[in-house]
Protein backbone atom coordinates (compact mmCIF):
# COMPACT_ATOMS: atom_id res chain seq x y z
CA MET A 1 -25.23 20.16 -0.83
CA GLU A 2 -26.28 23.45 -2.42
CA THR A 3 -23.97 25.58 -0.26
CA ILE A 4 -20.75 24.69 1.50
CA PRO A 5 -20.44 25.46 5.23
CA THR A 6 -17.45 27.79 5.34
CA TYR A 7 -15.80 28.97 8.55
CA ILE A 8 -13.56 32.01 8.33
CA ILE A 9 -11.12 32.56 11.20
CA ASN A 10 -10.75 36.26 11.95
CA PRO A 11 -9.42 37.98 15.10
CA LYS A 12 -11.59 40.93 16.12
CA GLU A 13 -8.66 43.35 15.89
CA HIS A 14 -8.13 42.50 12.20
CA ALA A 15 -10.84 44.74 10.74
CA ASP A 16 -8.89 45.19 7.49
CA ARG A 17 -8.76 41.44 6.98
CA LEU A 18 -12.46 41.07 7.76
CA GLN A 19 -13.34 43.61 5.13
CA HIS A 20 -11.06 41.86 2.64
CA ILE A 21 -12.41 38.35 3.28
CA ARG A 22 -16.05 39.41 3.16
CA HIS A 23 -15.35 40.94 -0.22
CA GLN A 24 -13.83 37.63 -1.42
CA PHE A 25 -17.11 35.80 -0.76
CA SER A 26 -19.56 38.61 -1.53
CA ASP A 27 -20.40 37.35 -5.03
CA LYS A 28 -20.18 33.62 -4.25
CA PRO A 29 -23.50 32.31 -2.87
CA GLU A 30 -22.18 28.75 -3.02
CA PHE A 31 -20.52 29.39 0.37
CA ASN A 32 -22.47 29.54 3.63
CA VAL A 33 -20.07 31.80 5.53
CA SER A 34 -19.60 32.05 9.30
CA ILE A 35 -17.01 34.32 10.92
CA ILE A 36 -15.19 32.60 13.79
CA THR A 37 -13.21 34.44 16.46
CA PRO A 38 -10.07 32.39 17.14
CA ILE A 39 -9.50 30.69 20.48
CA GLU A 40 -6.91 32.84 22.24
CA HIS A 41 -3.48 31.45 23.07
CA THR A 42 -0.01 32.93 23.46
CA LEU A 43 1.18 30.75 20.58
CA GLY A 44 -0.44 31.53 17.23
CA ALA A 45 -0.04 27.95 15.99
CA THR A 46 -1.83 26.57 19.06
CA SER A 47 -4.56 29.18 18.68
CA LEU A 48 -5.15 28.04 15.08
CA TRP A 49 -5.28 24.37 16.05
CA ASN A 50 -7.63 24.96 18.97
CA THR A 51 -9.87 27.02 16.71
CA ILE A 52 -10.02 24.24 14.11
CA LYS A 53 -11.02 21.80 16.87
CA HIS A 54 -13.59 24.28 18.19
CA ILE A 55 -15.19 24.59 14.75
CA ILE A 56 -15.44 20.82 14.35
CA GLN A 57 -16.76 20.26 17.87
CA ASN A 58 -19.13 23.17 18.32
CA GLU A 59 -20.00 24.85 15.05
CA ILE A 60 -20.87 22.16 12.55
CA ASN A 61 -23.94 20.06 11.87
CA ASP A 62 -23.59 16.29 12.29
CA ASN A 63 -24.94 15.83 8.78
CA TYR A 64 -22.07 17.69 7.13
CA ASP A 65 -19.91 15.47 4.93
CA PHE A 66 -17.28 18.17 4.70
CA ILE A 67 -16.61 21.77 5.63
CA ILE A 68 -14.30 24.55 4.50
CA ILE A 69 -12.04 26.35 6.95
CA CYS A 70 -10.55 29.57 5.69
CA GLU A 71 -8.13 32.10 7.13
CA ASP A 72 -8.88 35.77 6.68
CA ASP A 73 -5.94 36.41 4.35
CA HIS A 74 -7.25 33.92 1.78
CA GLN A 75 -7.70 35.30 -1.73
CA PHE A 76 -9.30 33.54 -4.70
CA THR A 77 -7.15 33.15 -7.81
CA GLU A 78 -8.33 33.65 -11.36
CA ALA A 79 -8.57 29.85 -11.69
CA TYR A 80 -11.53 29.67 -9.28
CA SER A 81 -14.93 28.51 -10.45
CA LYS A 82 -17.83 27.03 -8.53
CA GLU A 83 -18.06 24.07 -10.90
CA MET A 84 -14.35 23.32 -10.54
CA LEU A 85 -14.49 23.42 -6.75
CA PHE A 86 -17.51 21.12 -6.47
CA ASP A 87 -15.97 18.73 -9.00
CA TYR A 88 -12.66 18.54 -7.09
CA ILE A 89 -14.45 18.05 -3.75
CA ALA A 90 -16.44 15.12 -5.18
CA LYS A 91 -13.40 13.53 -6.82
CA ALA A 92 -11.24 13.88 -3.70
CA ASP A 93 -14.05 12.34 -1.65
CA LYS A 94 -14.07 9.29 -3.93
CA LEU A 95 -10.31 9.04 -3.35
CA ASN A 96 -11.04 8.84 0.38
CA ALA A 97 -9.35 12.18 1.11
CA ASP A 98 -9.18 13.45 4.68
CA ILE A 99 -8.28 16.95 3.56
CA LEU A 100 -8.34 18.80 0.25
CA LEU A 101 -6.19 21.92 -0.11
CA ALA A 102 -7.17 24.73 -2.46
CA GLY A 103 -3.49 25.70 -2.61
CA THR A 104 -0.27 25.15 -0.68
CA THR A 105 2.93 27.05 0.00
CA TRP A 106 5.10 23.94 0.22
CA TYR A 107 4.89 20.17 -0.03
CA MET A 108 7.43 17.38 0.17
CA THR A 109 6.07 14.96 -2.44
CA ALA A 110 3.19 15.25 -4.93
CA LEU A 111 1.76 12.37 -6.93
CA GLY A 112 -0.89 12.99 -9.58
CA VAL A 113 -4.03 10.95 -8.86
CA SER A 114 -6.11 12.62 -11.58
CA LYS A 115 -5.65 15.45 -14.04
CA ASN A 116 -6.02 18.17 -11.39
CA LEU A 117 -5.57 16.42 -8.04
CA PHE A 118 -2.27 15.54 -6.39
CA LEU A 119 -1.68 13.31 -3.40
CA ILE A 120 0.87 14.97 -1.08
CA ASP A 121 2.57 14.04 2.16
CA LYS A 122 3.98 16.85 4.31
CA PHE A 123 2.80 20.34 3.43
CA SER A 124 2.36 23.88 4.69
CA GLY A 125 -0.26 26.48 3.87
CA LEU A 126 -3.57 26.03 5.69
CA ILE A 127 -5.30 29.00 4.10
CA PHE A 128 -8.39 27.54 2.41
CA PHE A 129 -9.02 23.84 2.88
CA ILE A 130 -11.78 21.25 2.89
CA ILE A 131 -11.95 18.78 5.80
CA TYR A 132 -14.02 15.64 5.27
CA SER A 133 -16.12 14.20 8.10
CA ARG A 134 -14.04 10.99 8.17
CA PHE A 135 -11.18 13.11 9.55
CA PHE A 136 -13.10 14.98 12.26
CA LYS A 137 -12.63 12.43 15.04
CA ARG A 138 -8.87 12.11 14.55
CA ILE A 139 -8.45 15.88 14.86
CA LEU A 140 -10.58 16.06 18.00
CA GLU A 141 -8.73 13.22 19.70
CA SER A 142 -5.20 14.41 18.90
CA GLU A 143 -2.77 16.02 21.31
CA PHE A 144 -1.15 19.28 20.25
CA SER A 145 2.13 20.30 21.91
CA SER A 146 3.75 23.72 22.11
CA SER A 147 6.24 22.68 19.41
CA ASP A 148 3.54 21.53 16.96
CA VAL A 149 2.32 23.44 13.91
CA ALA A 150 -1.16 22.90 12.50
CA ASP A 151 0.02 22.23 8.91
CA TYR A 152 2.45 19.53 9.93
CA LYS A 153 0.12 18.09 12.55
CA ILE A 154 -2.52 17.53 9.88
CA SER A 155 0.20 16.08 7.61
CA GLU A 156 0.94 13.61 10.37
CA LEU A 157 -2.69 12.74 11.20
CA ALA A 158 -4.30 12.61 7.77
CA ASN A 159 -4.10 9.45 5.69
CA ASN A 160 -4.90 11.06 2.34
CA LYS A 161 -3.94 14.67 1.77
CA ILE A 162 -4.80 16.07 -1.66
CA VAL A 163 -4.12 19.44 -3.27
CA MET A 164 -5.96 20.75 -6.31
CA TYR A 165 -4.15 22.29 -9.25
CA PRO A 166 -4.36 24.93 -10.54
CA PHE A 167 -4.60 26.54 -7.11
CA ILE A 168 -7.81 28.45 -6.50
CA SER A 169 -6.53 30.04 -3.28
CA THR A 170 -3.52 32.15 -2.42
CA ARG A 171 -2.57 34.48 0.43
CA LYS A 172 -3.02 38.24 0.44
CA GLU A 173 -0.08 39.98 2.09
CA PHE A 174 -1.12 42.17 5.02
CA GLY A 175 2.34 42.61 6.53
CA HIS A 176 1.45 40.71 9.70
CA SER A 177 0.42 37.18 10.57
CA ALA A 178 -1.57 35.70 13.42
CA VAL A 179 0.33 32.44 13.09
CA ILE A 180 4.12 32.38 13.00
CA VAL A 181 5.71 29.12 11.89
CA LYS A 182 9.25 28.58 13.13
CA ASP A 183 11.18 26.45 10.67
CA SER A 184 13.76 25.62 13.34
CA ILE A 185 11.12 23.60 15.15
CA THR A 186 9.81 21.58 12.23
CA GLY A 187 12.74 21.48 9.86
CA TYR A 188 10.45 22.10 6.89
CA PRO A 189 10.75 25.20 4.73
CA ILE A 190 7.96 27.70 4.21
CA GLU A 191 7.98 28.81 0.60
CA SER A 192 5.24 30.43 -1.47
CA PHE A 193 2.11 29.58 -3.42
CA GLU A 194 3.84 30.63 -6.63
CA LYS A 195 6.84 28.37 -6.10
CA ALA A 196 4.70 25.39 -5.06
CA ALA A 197 2.50 25.86 -8.14
CA ALA A 198 5.57 26.08 -10.38
CA GLN A 199 6.88 22.80 -8.93
CA ILE A 200 3.60 21.02 -9.64
CA ASP A 201 3.67 22.39 -13.18
CA ILE A 202 7.14 20.85 -13.60
CA LEU A 203 5.85 17.48 -12.36
CA ILE A 204 3.03 17.60 -14.92
CA LYS A 205 5.48 18.34 -17.73
CA VAL A 206 7.88 15.60 -16.60
CA LYS A 207 5.05 13.05 -16.53
CA GLN A 208 3.86 14.16 -19.98
CA PHE A 209 7.42 13.85 -21.33
CA TYR A 210 7.86 10.25 -20.21
CA GLN A 211 4.37 9.30 -21.34
CA SER A 212 5.20 10.64 -24.81
CA LEU A 213 8.20 8.34 -25.18
CA PRO A 214 7.73 5.10 -27.14
CA ASN A 215 7.55 1.98 -24.99
CA ILE A 216 10.73 0.15 -25.93
CA ALA A 217 10.79 -3.22 -24.19
CA ILE A 218 14.12 -4.60 -23.07
CA ASP A 219 14.35 -8.16 -24.30
CA ILE A 220 17.62 -9.57 -23.00
CA THR A 221 18.40 -13.25 -22.82
CA GLU A 222 20.10 -14.86 -19.82
CA ASP A 223 23.20 -15.40 -21.92
CA GLN A 224 23.31 -11.71 -22.86
CA TYR A 225 22.97 -10.74 -19.19
CA ARG A 226 25.98 -12.93 -18.41
CA GLN A 227 28.03 -11.21 -21.08
CA MET A 228 27.27 -7.64 -19.94
CA VAL A 229 29.98 -5.92 -17.88
CA ILE A 230 29.71 -2.41 -16.45
CA PRO A 231 32.86 -0.40 -15.60
CA VAL A 232 32.82 0.69 -11.95
CA TYR A 233 35.17 3.47 -10.84
CA ILE A 234 35.68 3.24 -7.08
CA ILE A 235 36.89 6.40 -5.35
CA ASN A 236 39.13 5.75 -2.35
CA LEU A 237 41.71 7.65 -0.31
CA PRO A 238 44.80 5.41 0.12
CA GLU A 239 44.85 5.93 3.89
CA ARG A 240 41.25 4.68 4.21
CA THR A 241 42.33 1.04 4.15
CA GLU A 242 39.28 -0.16 6.09
CA ARG A 243 37.05 1.32 3.44
CA LEU A 244 39.09 -0.28 0.67
CA ILE A 245 38.76 -3.71 2.28
CA HIS A 246 35.01 -3.14 2.68
CA ILE A 247 34.39 -2.01 -0.89
CA LYS A 248 36.40 -4.84 -2.45
CA LYS A 249 34.24 -7.34 -0.55
CA GLN A 250 31.12 -5.72 -1.97
CA PHE A 251 32.17 -6.69 -5.49
CA ASP A 252 33.48 -10.18 -4.73
CA GLU A 253 32.00 -12.71 -7.15
CA LYS A 254 30.04 -10.04 -9.03
CA LYS A 255 31.42 -10.59 -12.52
CA GLU A 256 28.99 -8.07 -14.02
CA PHE A 257 31.31 -5.30 -12.77
CA ASP A 258 34.76 -4.32 -14.00
CA THR A 259 36.11 -2.47 -10.96
CA ILE A 260 38.80 0.19 -11.14
CA ILE A 261 40.18 1.73 -7.93
CA VAL A 262 40.70 5.48 -8.38
CA GLU A 263 42.80 7.37 -5.86
CA ALA A 264 40.62 10.15 -4.49
CA CYS A 265 41.71 13.76 -4.86
CA LYS A 266 42.52 15.44 -1.56
CA HIS A 267 41.24 18.89 -0.66
CA LYS A 268 40.73 20.72 2.61
CA ILE A 269 37.04 20.95 1.64
CA GLY A 270 35.72 17.42 1.32
CA ALA A 271 33.05 18.29 -1.25
CA VAL A 272 35.68 19.81 -3.54
CA GLY A 273 37.84 16.72 -3.19
CA LEU A 274 34.89 14.51 -4.14
CA TRP A 275 34.06 16.64 -7.18
CA ASN A 276 37.68 16.63 -8.35
CA SER A 277 37.63 12.84 -7.94
CA ILE A 278 34.48 12.61 -10.08
CA VAL A 279 36.13 14.74 -12.76
CA LYS A 280 39.14 12.42 -12.61
CA VAL A 281 36.81 9.44 -13.13
CA ILE A 282 35.08 11.08 -16.09
CA ASN A 283 38.42 11.74 -17.78
CA LEU A 284 39.35 8.08 -17.29
CA ALA A 285 35.97 7.00 -18.70
CA ILE A 286 36.48 9.13 -21.82
CA GLU A 287 40.01 7.74 -22.21
CA ASN A 288 38.58 4.21 -21.94
CA GLU A 289 35.77 5.06 -24.40
CA ASP A 290 33.06 4.09 -21.93
CA ASP A 291 29.45 4.83 -22.85
CA VAL A 292 28.08 4.22 -19.38
CA ILE A 293 29.88 3.94 -16.05
CA ILE A 294 29.18 3.52 -12.38
CA ILE A 295 30.78 5.99 -10.00
CA CYS A 296 31.14 4.32 -6.63
CA GLU A 297 32.30 5.77 -3.33
CA ASP A 298 34.10 3.45 -0.93
CA ASP A 299 31.26 3.49 1.62
CA HIS A 300 28.78 1.98 -0.84
CA GLN A 301 27.07 -1.18 0.36
CA PHE A 302 24.72 -3.45 -1.60
CA THR A 303 21.32 -4.13 -0.06
CA ASP A 304 19.50 -7.45 -0.06
CA ASN A 305 17.44 -6.10 -2.98
CA TYR A 306 20.41 -6.22 -5.35
CA SER A 307 20.33 -8.49 -8.36
CA LYS A 308 22.31 -8.29 -11.55
CA GLU A 309 19.20 -8.59 -13.71
CA PHE A 310 17.37 -5.80 -11.85
CA LEU A 311 20.28 -3.37 -12.20
CA LEU A 312 21.17 -4.11 -15.81
CA LYS A 313 17.54 -4.04 -16.95
CA ASN A 314 17.04 -0.61 -15.40
CA ILE A 315 20.34 0.71 -16.75
CA LEU A 316 19.18 -0.18 -20.27
CA GLU A 317 15.63 1.12 -19.81
CA ALA A 318 16.84 4.39 -18.26
CA HIS A 319 19.20 4.85 -21.20
CA ASN A 320 16.32 4.39 -23.65
CA GLN A 321 14.42 7.11 -21.78
CA GLY A 322 17.29 9.56 -22.05
CA ALA A 323 18.57 9.40 -18.48
CA ASP A 324 21.77 11.24 -17.58
CA VAL A 325 22.08 9.58 -14.16
CA LEU A 326 20.52 6.53 -12.53
CA SER A 327 20.91 6.52 -8.75
CA CYS A 328 20.79 3.15 -7.05
CA GLY A 329 20.01 4.56 -3.60
CA ALA A 330 19.79 8.04 -2.09
CA GLY A 331 20.07 9.82 1.23
CA ASP A 332 17.23 12.10 0.13
CA PHE A 333 15.49 13.49 -2.93
CA GLY A 334 13.27 16.42 -3.81
CA GLN A 335 10.50 16.23 -6.39
CA VAL A 336 9.53 12.81 -7.70
CA VAL A 337 7.57 11.39 -10.63
CA PRO A 338 7.04 7.63 -11.04
CA ILE A 339 8.19 6.37 -14.42
CA THR A 340 7.70 2.71 -13.61
CA ALA A 341 7.12 0.90 -10.33
CA GLU A 342 10.89 0.40 -10.15
CA ARG A 343 12.25 3.70 -11.38
CA PHE A 344 11.43 7.30 -10.50
CA TRP A 345 12.42 10.68 -11.90
CA VAL A 346 13.81 12.84 -9.07
CA ASN A 347 15.36 16.26 -8.63
CA PRO A 348 17.33 17.17 -6.66
CA LEU A 349 19.19 14.01 -5.73
CA ILE A 350 21.10 13.69 -2.46
CA GLY A 351 23.85 11.07 -2.42
CA THR A 352 26.43 9.86 -4.94
CA GLN A 353 27.73 6.66 -3.33
CA PHE A 354 26.62 4.48 -6.30
CA ILE A 355 25.38 6.23 -9.42
CA VAL A 356 25.17 5.18 -13.05
CA VAL A 357 26.37 8.04 -15.28
CA TYR A 358 25.71 8.05 -19.01
CA LYS A 359 28.11 9.41 -21.61
CA LYS A 360 26.00 12.42 -22.57
CA LEU A 361 26.62 13.98 -19.15
CA PHE A 362 30.41 13.60 -19.27
CA LYS A 363 31.22 16.90 -21.01
CA LYS A 364 28.83 18.88 -18.79
CA ILE A 365 30.65 17.59 -15.72
CA LEU A 366 34.05 18.48 -17.15
CA LYS A 367 32.96 22.00 -18.13
CA TYR A 368 31.40 22.89 -14.76
CA LYS A 369 33.36 25.32 -12.57
CA PHE A 370 32.93 23.90 -9.08
CA HIS A 371 32.84 26.39 -6.20
CA ASN A 372 33.80 25.86 -2.58
CA THR A 373 30.16 26.12 -1.52
CA ASN A 374 28.94 23.51 -4.01
CA THR A 375 28.20 19.85 -3.37
CA ALA A 376 28.71 17.09 -5.91
CA ASP A 377 25.09 15.86 -5.77
CA GLY A 378 23.83 19.43 -5.91
CA VAL A 379 25.80 20.18 -9.06
CA ILE A 380 24.74 16.92 -10.74
CA SER A 381 21.12 17.83 -9.96
CA GLU A 382 21.73 21.23 -11.51
CA LEU A 383 23.40 19.86 -14.64
CA SER A 384 20.72 17.29 -15.42
CA SER A 385 16.94 17.38 -15.70
CA ASN A 386 16.83 13.63 -16.25
CA ILE A 387 17.91 11.87 -13.04
CA MET A 388 16.31 8.58 -12.07
CA LEU A 389 16.24 6.67 -8.78
CA LEU A 390 15.69 2.96 -8.27
CA CYS A 391 13.11 1.52 -5.89
CA PRO A 392 13.86 -0.54 -3.94
CA PHE A 393 17.35 0.75 -3.23
CA ILE A 394 20.13 -1.62 -4.13
CA SER A 395 22.77 0.66 -2.61
CA ILE A 396 23.11 2.42 0.73
CA GLN A 397 26.03 4.03 2.54
CA LYS A 398 27.85 2.04 5.20
CA ASP A 399 28.30 4.14 8.33
CA PHE A 400 31.99 4.16 9.27
CA GLY A 401 31.36 6.66 12.08
CA TYR A 402 32.96 9.50 10.16
CA SER A 403 32.75 11.21 6.79
CA ASP A 404 35.44 12.81 4.64
CA ILE A 405 32.77 14.86 2.87
CA THR A 406 29.92 15.83 5.19
CA LYS A 407 30.81 17.15 8.65
CA GLU A 408 27.25 16.59 9.97
CA HIS A 409 27.88 12.84 9.76
CA ASN A 410 30.83 13.26 12.12
CA GLU A 411 28.72 15.23 14.60
CA GLN A 412 25.67 12.94 14.65
CA GLN A 413 26.41 9.24 14.82
CA GLY A 414 24.06 7.04 12.85
CA LEU A 415 22.83 9.91 10.66
CA VAL A 416 23.67 8.04 7.44
CA SER A 417 21.47 5.07 8.35
CA ILE A 418 18.65 7.34 9.50
CA MET A 419 18.71 9.28 6.22
CA PHE A 420 18.70 6.23 3.97
CA ASN A 421 16.01 4.40 5.96
CA LYS A 422 13.78 7.48 5.99
CA THR A 423 14.27 8.13 2.28
CA ALA A 424 13.68 4.49 1.32
CA LYS A 425 10.41 4.51 3.27
CA ARG A 426 9.34 7.78 1.65
CA LEU A 427 10.01 6.43 -1.84
CA GLN A 428 8.26 3.16 -1.00
CA ASN A 429 5.17 5.16 0.03
CA VAL A 430 5.20 6.90 -3.35
CA LYS A 431 5.58 3.54 -5.08
CA GLU A 432 2.66 1.99 -3.20
CA ALA A 433 0.44 4.98 -4.00
CA TYR A 434 1.50 4.82 -7.65
CA ILE A 435 0.65 1.11 -7.88
CA LYS A 436 -2.65 1.60 -6.04
CA ILE A 437 -3.95 4.40 -8.23
CA GLY A 438 -2.29 3.25 -11.46
CA ALA A 439 -1.11 6.81 -12.14
């Protein structure tokens, strides 16, 4: 294809945008540009979706393998080149992409599939994007409700969503938008091209860091595994007797753990009480000259994936890679980079019900001045740039129907289970993609 069919969505009343967008393509003959008047609707998001469907159904040639759809506030970055774009389009096609983004304002997870292409899940920022013909039918056959948003609808429908990096497209600010995305509907934040690009840059650096480390194999005999014992500090309020009974049962017959019950610190703000309890644990660990400990909340519950060998092997390997914290199961996480098929770098981390903490983080925890608006997992994520998460999870939170820390769990029954199930599935998807592409 010598030129790319490119459809620019521009309302007739936006003459300033039309002038701007024509200028963007004026010196780029590689694009075969058509100006498309959007399909009118009272909701801007519905108008955008209906216009995308209109383009696919009425404007394109059946022979097209892909098209570009572009909003009129798109602006090329300095990274743009014709050769780069055509190369990325071809590579994404070989990866069976449904959609290739030239930039994004936000994404939930990004996994590098080549040097400059990242597989993402949920995203926002439909400014300049390539749609492959394999995805046309699914778009045309989909239902779009009044609460839907085009970005998230495509996230839901598309099997493979890829973003190129560096971004070759950003948004020019005109002070008004034809499409207004309400975060209260979707629950996903709208950020910026600059922030999304900075996050991808961090992921690249994290991956490079771990790849630069020497591969130190852990060669432990069965007899050595039997001899290893990890100190476990269990935080429990004395009046929570049902939790104490539960947590003691979790460690029955698990001789690899030396359990110590620590009376939790009380505070009118649950998060402050938890942090003070963690500080209390760290002081005990220093007093006991521990090099590595497990901090365990009394609602921790082992999953069927638990095995002594799996945990101890990963504790040792994470230590060799400089980890500060190894989480054994999380309610959520932010950015993620696979280190192995079992262990992933994450930040931030949500959830502290069963975390391995290494000695080098002890002093940072003790020095931190915790504020009433802080959360324990938020502070740990702030203090460390080397947090790892196991997959599959070997720890989840048992739902007791109430929480001493998070009031949302008292207001929405079953929220704990929903969070952990959703997060485990999300991490499993990353793991499967990682194994598939061998990234």
